[in-house]
Amino acid sequence: MFTLNFKEYLDMKNFYGKNIDTNIYKELENYIIGGGFPKTIEFDNINDKELYVKDVLNQIIKKDIKKHNKIKNKVVFEKVLTYLINNFGSTTNLNNIINYMRNEEKIPIKPQTLYRYIEIIENSKLLYCCNRFDLKSKKSLKGEQKYYLADLSICYGMNIDKRINYGPALENIIYTYLSSKGYELSIGKIGNLECDFITRNANEYFYIQIAMSISDKNVENREYNVFNKIRDNYPKYLFTLDPLPQQRDGIKHINIVNFITNDSDLS
């Protein structure tokens, strides 16, 4: 599935002569809600964008997924897909989903069936699985993972509530951007703490924390505290939307918008 990152989205709008908001953060909000499918650039109205996104998803789900994989219980499959979409960026596992289906949806589902459905969804490229990586053993950990969307409009276009939860949305943007540049990303496990991403490129590691802002001192300390638990000297990045990044403890504080619009790499 081909979607545009934020820089490509702005470049495409410029190519088509579309108005670009002078407030770049307002444009980022439009990108998060409206998504990065190339054809959505042609639509000025958000409702038209949503109708297009829904049509694309319906085509993928009905023709490419259900028909190709011969899914018998389509209702249960759609419930699993909706759960994963609405919980993107949140830690989950098979037991979480099984319990949700049983307790909230009143639908029993076998673990092997659920596993097959998730595998089908991953193969469709609607969502990407991000596994945990243990810093001590340097090994991937199975069992709990996060799922990120191929395009944020998959969630916001399919829900009535358009309020942006910037935590998972910004994680999703960084995940898809760095993945498109060839980086391998995992969730970092450091004892009881979690690093948003451990990013690998060849034999080099990068540690990443993401927050909307660290203007609140408590948030700042929380984000930096994770880095303080990491004992090696690989580069550490704190990505936020703060317009004036600070410097602290040798950690690179980076503005997300500037990083992506400059087509930057980790170094």
C-alpha atoms as a PDB file:
ATOM      1  CA  MET A   1       0.000   0.000   0.000  1.00  0.00           C
ATOM      2  CA  PHE A   2       1.546   3.289  -1.125  1.00  0.00           C
ATOM      3  CA  THR A   3       1.029   6.340   1.059  1.00  0.00           C
ATOM      4  CA  LEU A   4       2.838   9.666   1.345  1.00  0.00           C
ATOM      5  CA  ASN A   5       4.950  10.749   4.297  1.00  0.00           C
ATOM      6  CA  PHE A   6       4.435  14.305   5.526  1.00  0.00           C
ATOM      7  CA  LYS A   7       7.118  15.815   3.258  1.00  0.00           C
ATOM      8  CA  GLU A   8       5.751  13.990   0.221  1.00  0.00           C
ATOM      9  CA  TYR A   9       2.249  15.114   1.178  1.00  0.00           C
ATOM     10  CA  LEU A  10       3.341  18.777   1.216  1.00  0.00           C
ATOM     11  CA  ASP A  11       5.289  18.367  -2.040  1.00  0.00           C
ATOM     12  CA  MET A  12       2.248  16.797  -3.707  1.00  0.00           C
ATOM     13  CA  LYS A  13      -0.036  19.605  -2.523  1.00  0.00           C
ATOM     14  CA  ASN A  14       2.405  22.119  -3.932  1.00  0.00           C
ATOM     15  CA  PHE A  15       2.561  20.209  -7.236  1.00  0.00           C
ATOM     16  CA  TYR A  16      -1.233  20.301  -7.585  1.00  0.00           C
ATOM     17  CA  GLY A  17      -1.370  23.977  -6.619  1.00  0.00           C
ATOM     18  CA  LYS A  18      -3.288  23.255  -3.417  1.00  0.00           C
ATOM     19  CA  ASN A  19      -3.219  25.767  -0.584  1.00  0.00           C
ATOM     20  CA  ILE A  20      -0.715  24.918   2.168  1.00  0.00           C
ATOM     21  CA  ASP A  21      -1.571  26.383   5.562  1.00  0.00           C
ATOM     22  CA  THR A  22       1.019  28.872   6.800  1.00  0.00           C
ATOM     23  CA  ASN A  23       0.748  27.137  10.174  1.00  0.00           C
ATOM     24  CA  ILE A  24       2.697  23.957   9.467  1.00  0.00           C
ATOM     25  CA  TYR A  25       1.250  22.284  12.567  1.00  0.00           C
ATOM     26  CA  LYS A  26      -2.269  22.848  11.279  1.00  0.00           C
ATOM     27  CA  GLU A  27      -1.154  21.173   8.067  1.00  0.00           C
ATOM     28  CA  LEU A  28       0.190  18.259  10.114  1.00  0.00           C
ATOM     29  CA  GLU A  29      -3.220  17.930  11.760  1.00  0.00           C
ATOM     30  CA  ASN A  30      -4.855  17.854   8.321  1.00  0.00           C
ATOM     31  CA  TYR A  31      -2.383  15.162   7.262  1.00  0.00           C
ATOM     32  CA  ILE A  32      -3.095  13.009  10.308  1.00  0.00           C
ATOM     33  CA  ILE A  33      -6.870  13.120   9.838  1.00  0.00           C
ATOM     34  CA  GLY A  34      -7.005  13.157   6.031  1.00  0.00           C
ATOM     35  CA  GLY A  35      -4.150  10.724   5.495  1.00  0.00           C
ATOM     36  CA  GLY A  36      -1.461  10.296   2.900  1.00  0.00           C
ATOM     37  CA  PHE A  37      -3.133   8.371   0.112  1.00  0.00           C
ATOM     38  CA  PRO A  38      -1.984  10.298  -2.989  1.00  0.00           C
ATOM     39  CA  LYS A  39      -5.459  10.756  -4.465  1.00  0.00           C
ATOM     40  CA  THR A  40      -6.765  12.436  -1.312  1.00  0.00           C
ATOM     41  CA  ILE A  41      -4.697  15.487  -2.315  1.00  0.00           C
ATOM     42  CA  GLU A  42      -7.242  16.113  -5.059  1.00  0.00           C
ATOM     43  CA  PHE A  43     -10.049  16.614  -2.527  1.00  0.00           C
ATOM     44  CA  ASP A  44     -10.388  19.870  -0.613  1.00  0.00           C
ATOM     45  CA  ASN A  45     -13.270  18.736   1.575  1.00  0.00           C
ATOM     46  CA  ILE A  46     -12.482  16.397   4.479  1.00  0.00           C
ATOM     47  CA  ASN A  47     -15.749  14.514   3.928  1.00  0.00           C
ATOM     48  CA  ASP A  48     -14.719  13.755   0.350  1.00  0.00           C
ATOM     49  CA  LYS A  49     -11.359  12.506   1.609  1.00  0.00           C
ATOM     50  CA  GLU A  50     -13.106  10.225   4.086  1.00  0.00           C
ATOM     51  CA  LEU A  51     -15.414   8.803   1.435  1.00  0.00           C
ATOM     52  CA  TYR A  52     -12.415   8.028  -0.749  1.00  0.00           C
ATOM     53  CA  VAL A  53     -10.517   6.370   2.118  1.00  0.00           C
ATOM     54  CA  LYS A  54     -13.562   4.276   3.030  1.00  0.00           C
ATOM     55  CA  ASP A  55     -13.928   3.182  -0.581  1.00  0.00           C
ATOM     56  CA  VAL A  56     -10.253   2.156  -0.725  1.00  0.00           C
ATOM     57  CA  LEU A  57     -10.564   0.196   2.518  1.00  0.00           C
ATOM     58  CA  ASN A  58     -13.760  -1.501   1.408  1.00  0.00           C
ATOM     59  CA  GLN A  59     -12.079  -2.593  -1.800  1.00  0.00           C
ATOM     60  CA  ILE A  60      -9.084  -3.973   0.104  1.00  0.00           C
ATOM     61  CA  ILE A  61     -11.144  -5.678   2.806  1.00  0.00           C
ATOM     62  CA  LYS A  62     -13.887  -7.151   0.639  1.00  0.00           C
ATOM     63  CA  LYS A  63     -11.988  -8.066  -2.507  1.00  0.00           C
ATOM     64  CA  ASP A  64      -8.348  -8.478  -1.560  1.00  0.00           C
ATOM     65  CA  ILE A  65      -8.672  -9.854   1.963  1.00  0.00           C
ATOM     66  CA  LYS A  66     -11.987 -11.641   2.484  1.00  0.00           C
ATOM     67  CA  LYS A  67     -12.330 -13.163  -0.956  1.00  0.00           C
ATOM     68  CA  HIS A  68      -8.672 -14.107  -1.400  1.00  0.00           C
ATOM     69  CA  ASN A  69      -8.385 -15.693   2.049  1.00  0.00           C
ATOM     70  CA  LYS A  70     -11.832 -17.313   2.030  1.00  0.00           C
ATOM     71  CA  ILE A  71     -12.809 -15.915   5.409  1.00  0.00           C
ATOM     72  CA  LYS A  72     -16.011 -17.582   6.563  1.00  0.00           C
ATOM     73  CA  ASN A  73     -16.882 -15.591   9.674  1.00  0.00           C
ATOM     74  CA  LYS A  74     -16.663 -12.110   8.209  1.00  0.00           C
ATOM     75  CA  VAL A  75     -18.304 -10.437  11.230  1.00  0.00           C
ATOM     76  CA  VAL A  76     -15.659 -11.702  13.646  1.00  0.00           C
ATOM     77  CA  PHE A  77     -12.855 -10.846  11.226  1.00  0.00           C
ATOM     78  CA  GLU A  78     -14.111  -7.267  10.940  1.00  0.00           C
ATOM     79  CA  LYS A  79     -14.328  -6.991  14.748  1.00  0.00           C
ATOM     80  CA  VAL A  80     -10.678  -8.060  15.050  1.00  0.00           C
ATOM     81  CA  LEU A  81      -9.634  -5.630  12.326  1.00  0.00           C
ATOM     82  CA  THR A  82     -11.561  -2.770  13.977  1.00  0.00           C
ATOM     83  CA  TYR A  83      -9.987  -3.545  17.346  1.00  0.00           C
ATOM     84  CA  LEU A  84      -6.455  -3.418  15.931  1.00  0.00           C
ATOM     85  CA  ILE A  85      -7.153  -0.215  13.994  1.00  0.00           C
ATOM     86  CA  ASN A  86      -8.692   1.593  16.963  1.00  0.00           C
ATOM     87  CA  ASN A  87      -5.880   0.491  19.279  1.00  0.00           C
ATOM     88  CA  PHE A  88      -2.952   1.325  17.039  1.00  0.00           C
ATOM     89  CA  GLY A  89       0.146   2.297  18.985  1.00  0.00           C
ATOM     90  CA  SER A  90      -1.067   0.458  22.115  1.00  0.00           C
ATOM     91  CA  THR A  91       0.569  -2.629  23.556  1.00  0.00           C
ATOM     92  CA  THR A  92      -1.572  -5.691  22.911  1.00  0.00           C
ATOM     93  CA  ASN A  93      -1.432  -9.479  22.743  1.00  0.00           C
ATOM     94  CA  LEU A  94      -3.696 -12.375  21.825  1.00  0.00           C
ATOM     95  CA  ASN A  95      -5.177 -12.624  25.334  1.00  0.00           C
ATOM     96  CA  ASN A  96      -6.124  -8.913  25.338  1.00  0.00           C
ATOM     97  CA  ILE A  97      -8.046  -9.348  22.104  1.00  0.00           C
ATOM     98  CA  ILE A  98      -9.674 -12.652  23.112  1.00  0.00           C
ATOM     99  CA  ASN A  99     -10.844 -11.130  26.401  1.00  0.00           C
ATOM    100  CA  TYR A 100     -12.173  -8.048  24.617  1.00  0.00           C
ATOM    101  CA  MET A 101     -14.083 -10.179  22.125  1.00  0.00           C
ATOM    102  CA  ARG A 102     -15.572 -12.342  24.873  1.00  0.00           C
ATOM    103  CA  ASN A 103     -16.394  -9.596  27.374  1.00  0.00           C
ATOM    104  CA  GLU A 104     -17.253  -6.590  25.200  1.00  0.00           C
ATOM    105  CA  GLU A 105     -18.397  -8.026  21.878  1.00  0.00           C
ATOM    106  CA  LYS A 106     -19.816 -11.272  23.350  1.00  0.00           C
ATOM    107  CA  ILE A 107     -18.017 -13.189  20.619  1.00  0.00           C
ATOM    108  CA  PRO A 108     -15.872 -16.247  21.450  1.00  0.00           C
ATOM    109  CA  ILE A 109     -12.812 -16.732  19.270  1.00  0.00           C
ATOM    110  CA  LYS A 110     -10.155 -19.423  19.323  1.00  0.00           C
ATOM    111  CA  PRO A 111      -6.485 -18.367  19.626  1.00  0.00           C
ATOM    112  CA  GLN A 112      -5.552 -20.123  16.370  1.00  0.00           C
ATOM    113  CA  THR A 113      -8.368 -18.342  14.519  1.00  0.00           C
ATOM    114  CA  LEU A 114      -7.333 -14.979  15.949  1.00  0.00           C
ATOM    115  CA  TYR A 115      -3.698 -15.619  15.045  1.00  0.00           C
ATOM    116  CA  ARG A 116      -4.709 -16.424  11.458  1.00  0.00           C
ATOM    117  CA  TYR A 117      -6.833 -13.275  11.183  1.00  0.00           C
ATOM    118  CA  ILE A 118      -3.995 -11.068  12.464  1.00  0.00           C
ATOM    119  CA  GLU A 119      -1.574 -12.716  10.048  1.00  0.00           C
ATOM    120  CA  ILE A 120      -3.970 -12.007   7.161  1.00  0.00           C
ATOM    121  CA  ILE A 121      -4.303  -8.355   8.233  1.00  0.00           C
ATOM    122  CA  GLU A 122      -0.516  -7.951   8.470  1.00  0.00           C
ATOM    123  CA  ASN A 123      -0.041  -9.506   5.038  1.00  0.00           C
ATOM    124  CA  SER A 124      -2.561  -7.044   3.602  1.00  0.00           C
ATOM    125  CA  LYS A 125      -0.223  -4.195   4.692  1.00  0.00           C
ATOM    126  CA  LEU A 126      -3.028  -2.300   6.402  1.00  0.00           C
ATOM    127  CA  LEU A 127      -1.137  -2.554   9.684  1.00  0.00           C
ATOM    128  CA  TYR A 128       2.426  -3.329  10.686  1.00  0.00           C
ATOM    129  CA  CYS A 129       3.479  -5.308  13.741  1.00  0.00           C
ATOM    130  CA  CYS A 130       6.201  -3.855  15.957  1.00  0.00           C
ATOM    131  CA  ASN A 131       7.670  -6.442  18.358  1.00  0.00           C
ATOM    132  CA  ARG A 132       9.518  -5.855  21.603  1.00  0.00           C
ATOM    133  CA  PHE A 133      13.307  -5.939  21.794  1.00  0.00           C
ATOM    134  CA  ASP A 134      15.133  -6.639  25.042  1.00  0.00           C
ATOM    135  CA  LEU A 135      18.161  -4.412  25.527  1.00  0.00           C
ATOM    136  CA  LYS A 136      19.992  -6.838  27.787  1.00  0.00           C
ATOM    137  CA  SER A 137      19.699  -9.967  25.658  1.00  0.00           C
ATOM    138  CA  LYS A 138      19.563  -8.076  22.327  1.00  0.00           C
ATOM    139  CA  LYS A 139      16.739 -10.398  21.256  1.00  0.00           C
ATOM    140  CA  SER A 140      13.213  -9.840  19.996  1.00  0.00           C
ATOM    141  CA  LEU A 141      10.481 -10.723  22.484  1.00  0.00           C
ATOM    142  CA  LYS A 142       7.290 -12.356  21.279  1.00  0.00           C
ATOM    143  CA  GLY A 143       3.928 -12.073  22.989  1.00  0.00           C
ATOM    144  CA  GLU A 144       3.299  -8.354  23.399  1.00  0.00           C
ATOM    145  CA  GLN A 145       3.548  -5.977  20.484  1.00  0.00           C
ATOM    146  CA  LYS A 146       2.134  -2.811  18.983  1.00  0.00           C
ATOM    147  CA  TYR A 147       0.470  -2.330  15.627  1.00  0.00           C
ATOM    148  CA  TYR A 148       0.904   0.754  13.474  1.00  0.00           C
ATOM    149  CA  LEU A 149      -1.241   1.856  10.554  1.00  0.00           C
ATOM    150  CA  ALA A 150      -0.069   2.038   6.978  1.00  0.00           C
ATOM    151  CA  ASP A 151      -1.883   5.381   6.914  1.00  0.00           C
ATOM    152  CA  LEU A 152      -3.481   7.303   9.785  1.00  0.00           C
ATOM    153  CA  SER A 153      -6.636   7.971   7.774  1.00  0.00           C
ATOM    154  CA  ILE A 154      -7.428   4.265   8.170  1.00  0.00           C
ATOM    155  CA  CYS A 155      -8.357   5.095  11.766  1.00  0.00           C
ATOM    156  CA  TYR A 156      -9.530   8.700  11.609  1.00  0.00           C
ATOM    157  CA  GLY A 157     -11.451   8.212   8.374  1.00  0.00           C
ATOM    158  CA  MET A 158     -13.390   5.286   9.831  1.00  0.00           C
ATOM    159  CA  ASN A 159     -14.373   6.910  13.144  1.00  0.00           C
ATOM    160  CA  ILE A 160     -16.775   9.716  13.986  1.00  0.00           C
ATOM    161  CA  ASP A 161     -14.484  11.114  16.703  1.00  0.00           C
ATOM    162  CA  LYS A 162     -11.799  13.220  14.966  1.00  0.00           C
ATOM    163  CA  ARG A 163      -9.948  14.266  18.112  1.00  0.00           C
ATOM    164  CA  ILE A 164      -6.290  13.457  17.641  1.00  0.00           C
ATOM    165  CA  ASN A 165      -4.476  11.376  20.216  1.00  0.00           C
ATOM    166  CA  TYR A 166      -1.040  12.773  19.428  1.00  0.00           C
ATOM    167  CA  GLY A 167       0.880  10.100  21.337  1.00  0.00           C
ATOM    168  CA  PRO A 168       0.172   7.133  19.043  1.00  0.00           C
ATOM    169  CA  ALA A 169      -0.309   9.380  15.987  1.00  0.00           C
ATOM    170  CA  LEU A 170       3.222  10.797  16.233  1.00  0.00           C
ATOM    171  CA  GLU A 171       4.634   7.344  16.958  1.00  0.00           C
ATOM    172  CA  ASN A 172       2.888   6.101  13.830  1.00  0.00           C
ATOM    173  CA  ILE A 173       4.335   8.927  11.739  1.00  0.00           C
ATOM    174  CA  ILE A 174       7.887   8.229  12.940  1.00  0.00           C
ATOM    175  CA  TYR A 175       7.437   4.471  12.545  1.00  0.00           C
ATOM    176  CA  THR A 176       6.271   4.627   8.931  1.00  0.00           C
ATOM    177  CA  TYR A 177       8.772   7.335   7.984  1.00  0.00           C
ATOM    178  CA  LEU A 178      11.818   5.505   9.324  1.00  0.00           C
ATOM    179  CA  SER A 179      10.575   2.146   8.017  1.00  0.00           C
ATOM    180  CA  SER A 180      10.325   3.656   4.529  1.00  0.00           C
ATOM    181  CA  LYS A 181      13.990   4.637   4.795  1.00  0.00           C
ATOM    182  CA  GLY A 182      15.073   1.098   5.588  1.00  0.00           C
ATOM    183  CA  TYR A 183      15.320   1.207   9.380  1.00  0.00           C
ATOM    184  CA  GLU A 184      14.126  -1.749  11.451  1.00  0.00           C
ATOM    185  CA  LEU A 185      12.084  -0.678  14.473  1.00  0.00           C
ATOM    186  CA  SER A 186      11.175  -2.470  17.690  1.00  0.00           C
ATOM    187  CA  ILE A 187       9.709  -1.473  21.039  1.00  0.00           C
ATOM    188  CA  GLY A 188      12.537  -1.222  23.547  1.00  0.00           C
ATOM    189  CA  LYS A 189      12.298  -3.088  26.849  1.00  0.00           C
ATOM    190  CA  ILE A 190      14.599  -1.834  29.613  1.00  0.00           C
ATOM    191  CA  GLY A 191      13.664  -3.685  32.786  1.00  0.00           C
ATOM    192  CA  ASN A 192      10.240  -2.305  33.698  1.00  0.00           C
ATOM    193  CA  LEU A 193      10.614   0.705  31.416  1.00  0.00           C
ATOM    194  CA  GLU A 194       9.769   0.993  27.751  1.00  0.00           C
ATOM    195  CA  CYS A 195      11.643   2.917  25.085  1.00  0.00           C
ATOM    196  CA  ASP A 196       9.272   3.916  22.289  1.00  0.00           C
ATOM    197  CA  PHE A 197      11.575   2.567  19.601  1.00  0.00           C
ATOM    198  CA  ILE A 198      14.903   0.854  19.237  1.00  0.00           C
ATOM    199  CA  THR A 199      15.884   1.473  15.646  1.00  0.00           C
ATOM    200  CA  ARG A 200      18.471  -0.556  13.796  1.00  0.00           C
ATOM    201  CA  ASN A 201      20.333   0.126  10.587  1.00  0.00           C
ATOM    202  CA  ALA A 202      23.001  -2.474   9.778  1.00  0.00           C
ATOM    203  CA  ASN A 203      24.870  -2.907  13.091  1.00  0.00           C
ATOM    204  CA  GLU A 204      24.032   0.497  14.544  1.00  0.00           C
ATOM    205  CA  TYR A 205      21.339   1.166  17.113  1.00  0.00           C
ATOM    206  CA  PHE A 206      19.339   4.345  17.799  1.00  0.00           C
ATOM    207  CA  TYR A 207      17.067   4.927  20.780  1.00  0.00           C
ATOM    208  CA  ILE A 208      13.919   6.988  20.276  1.00  0.00           C
ATOM    209  CA  GLN A 209      11.388   8.588  22.597  1.00  0.00           C
ATOM    210  CA  ILE A 210       8.387  10.492  21.207  1.00  0.00           C
ATOM    211  CA  ALA A 211       6.151  13.063  22.888  1.00  0.00           C
ATOM    212  CA  MET A 212       3.947  15.874  21.654  1.00  0.00           C
ATOM    213  CA  SER A 213       5.789  18.307  23.909  1.00  0.00           C
ATOM    214  CA  ILE A 214       8.104  18.366  26.917  1.00  0.00           C
ATOM    215  CA  SER A 215       7.114  21.871  28.016  1.00  0.00           C
ATOM    216  CA  ASP A 216       5.753  20.221  31.165  1.00  0.00           C
ATOM    217  CA  LYS A 217       8.697  19.414  33.438  1.00  0.00           C
ATOM    218  CA  ASN A 218       7.167  16.132  34.571  1.00  0.00           C
ATOM    219  CA  VAL A 219       6.828  14.961  30.969  1.00  0.00           C
ATOM    220  CA  GLU A 220      10.382  16.074  30.237  1.00  0.00           C
ATOM    221  CA  ASN A 221      11.772  14.096  33.166  1.00  0.00           C
ATOM    222  CA  ARG A 222       9.718  11.040  32.284  1.00  0.00           C
ATOM    223  CA  GLU A 223      11.006  10.975  28.717  1.00  0.00           C
ATOM    224  CA  TYR A 224      14.640  11.529  29.675  1.00  0.00           C
ATOM    225  CA  ASN A 225      14.459   9.007  32.513  1.00  0.00           C
ATOM    226  CA  VAL A 226      14.152   6.188  29.979  1.00  0.00           C
ATOM    227  CA  PHE A 227      17.407   7.246  28.331  1.00  0.00           C
ATOM    228  CA  ASN A 228      19.154   7.366  31.695  1.00  0.00           C
ATOM    229  CA  LYS A 229      18.583   3.608  32.045  1.00  0.00           C
ATOM    230  CA  ILE A 230      20.437   2.865  28.799  1.00  0.00           C
ATOM    231  CA  ARG A 231      24.109   2.209  29.471  1.00  0.00           C
ATOM    232  CA  ASP A 232      25.622   2.067  25.986  1.00  0.00           C
ATOM    233  CA  ASN A 233      26.633   5.020  23.824  1.00  0.00           C
ATOM    234  CA  TYR A 234      24.421   4.593  20.791  1.00  0.00           C
ATOM    235  CA  PRO A 235      22.662   7.828  19.693  1.00  0.00           C
ATOM    236  CA  LYS A 236      19.515   8.816  21.575  1.00  0.00           C
ATOM    237  CA  TYR A 237      16.713  10.893  20.059  1.00  0.00           C
ATOM    238  CA  LEU A 238      13.773  12.685  21.644  1.00  0.00           C
ATOM    239  CA  PHE A 239      11.204  13.622  18.979  1.00  0.00           C
ATOM    240  CA  THR A 240       8.563  16.265  19.805  1.00  0.00           C
ATOM    241  CA  LEU A 241       6.584  19.076  18.178  1.00  0.00           C
ATOM    242  CA  ASP A 242       8.325  21.695  20.330  1.00  0.00           C
ATOM    243  CA  PRO A 243       9.472  24.521  18.011  1.00  0.00           C
ATOM    244  CA  LEU A 244      12.664  25.164  20.010  1.00  0.00           C
ATOM    245  CA  PRO A 245      14.365  21.869  20.855  1.00  0.00           C
ATOM    246  CA  GLN A 246      16.603  21.889  23.912  1.00  0.00           C
ATOM    247  CA  GLN A 247      19.881  20.109  24.611  1.00  0.00           C
ATOM    248  CA  ARG A 248      20.251  17.843  27.615  1.00  0.00           C
ATOM    249  CA  ASP A 249      22.622  15.013  28.536  1.00  0.00           C
ATOM    250  CA  GLY A 250      23.885  14.637  24.974  1.00  0.00           C
ATOM    251  CA  ILE A 251      20.450  13.559  23.755  1.00  0.00           C
ATOM    252  CA  LYS A 252      19.300  14.890  20.381  1.00  0.00           C
ATOM    253  CA  HIS A 253      16.004  16.729  20.804  1.00  0.00           C
ATOM    254  CA  ILE A 254      14.443  16.901  17.330  1.00  0.00           C
ATOM    255  CA  ASN A 255      11.362  18.641  15.966  1.00  0.00           C
ATOM    256  CA  ILE A 256       9.348  15.978  14.105  1.00  0.00           C
ATOM    257  CA  VAL A 257       8.092  18.307  11.382  1.00  0.00           C
ATOM    258  CA  ASN A 258      11.569  19.649  10.598  1.00  0.00           C
ATOM    259  CA  PHE A 259      13.065  16.152  10.642  1.00  0.00           C
ATOM    260  CA  ILE A 260      10.638  14.748   8.091  1.00  0.00           C
ATOM    261  CA  THR A 261      10.269  17.789   5.834  1.00  0.00           C
ATOM    262  CA  ASN A 262      14.075  17.936   5.562  1.00  0.00           C
ATOM    263  CA  ASP A 263      14.098  14.246   4.562  1.00  0.00           C
ATOM    264  CA  SER A 264      16.506  13.582   7.443  1.00  0.00           C
ATOM    265  CA  ASP A 265      18.174  10.356   8.562  1.00  0.00           C
ATOM    266  CA  LEU A 266      19.328   9.184  11.957  1.00  0.00           C
ATOM    267  CA  SER A 267      23.039   9.622  12.535  1.00  0.00           C
END
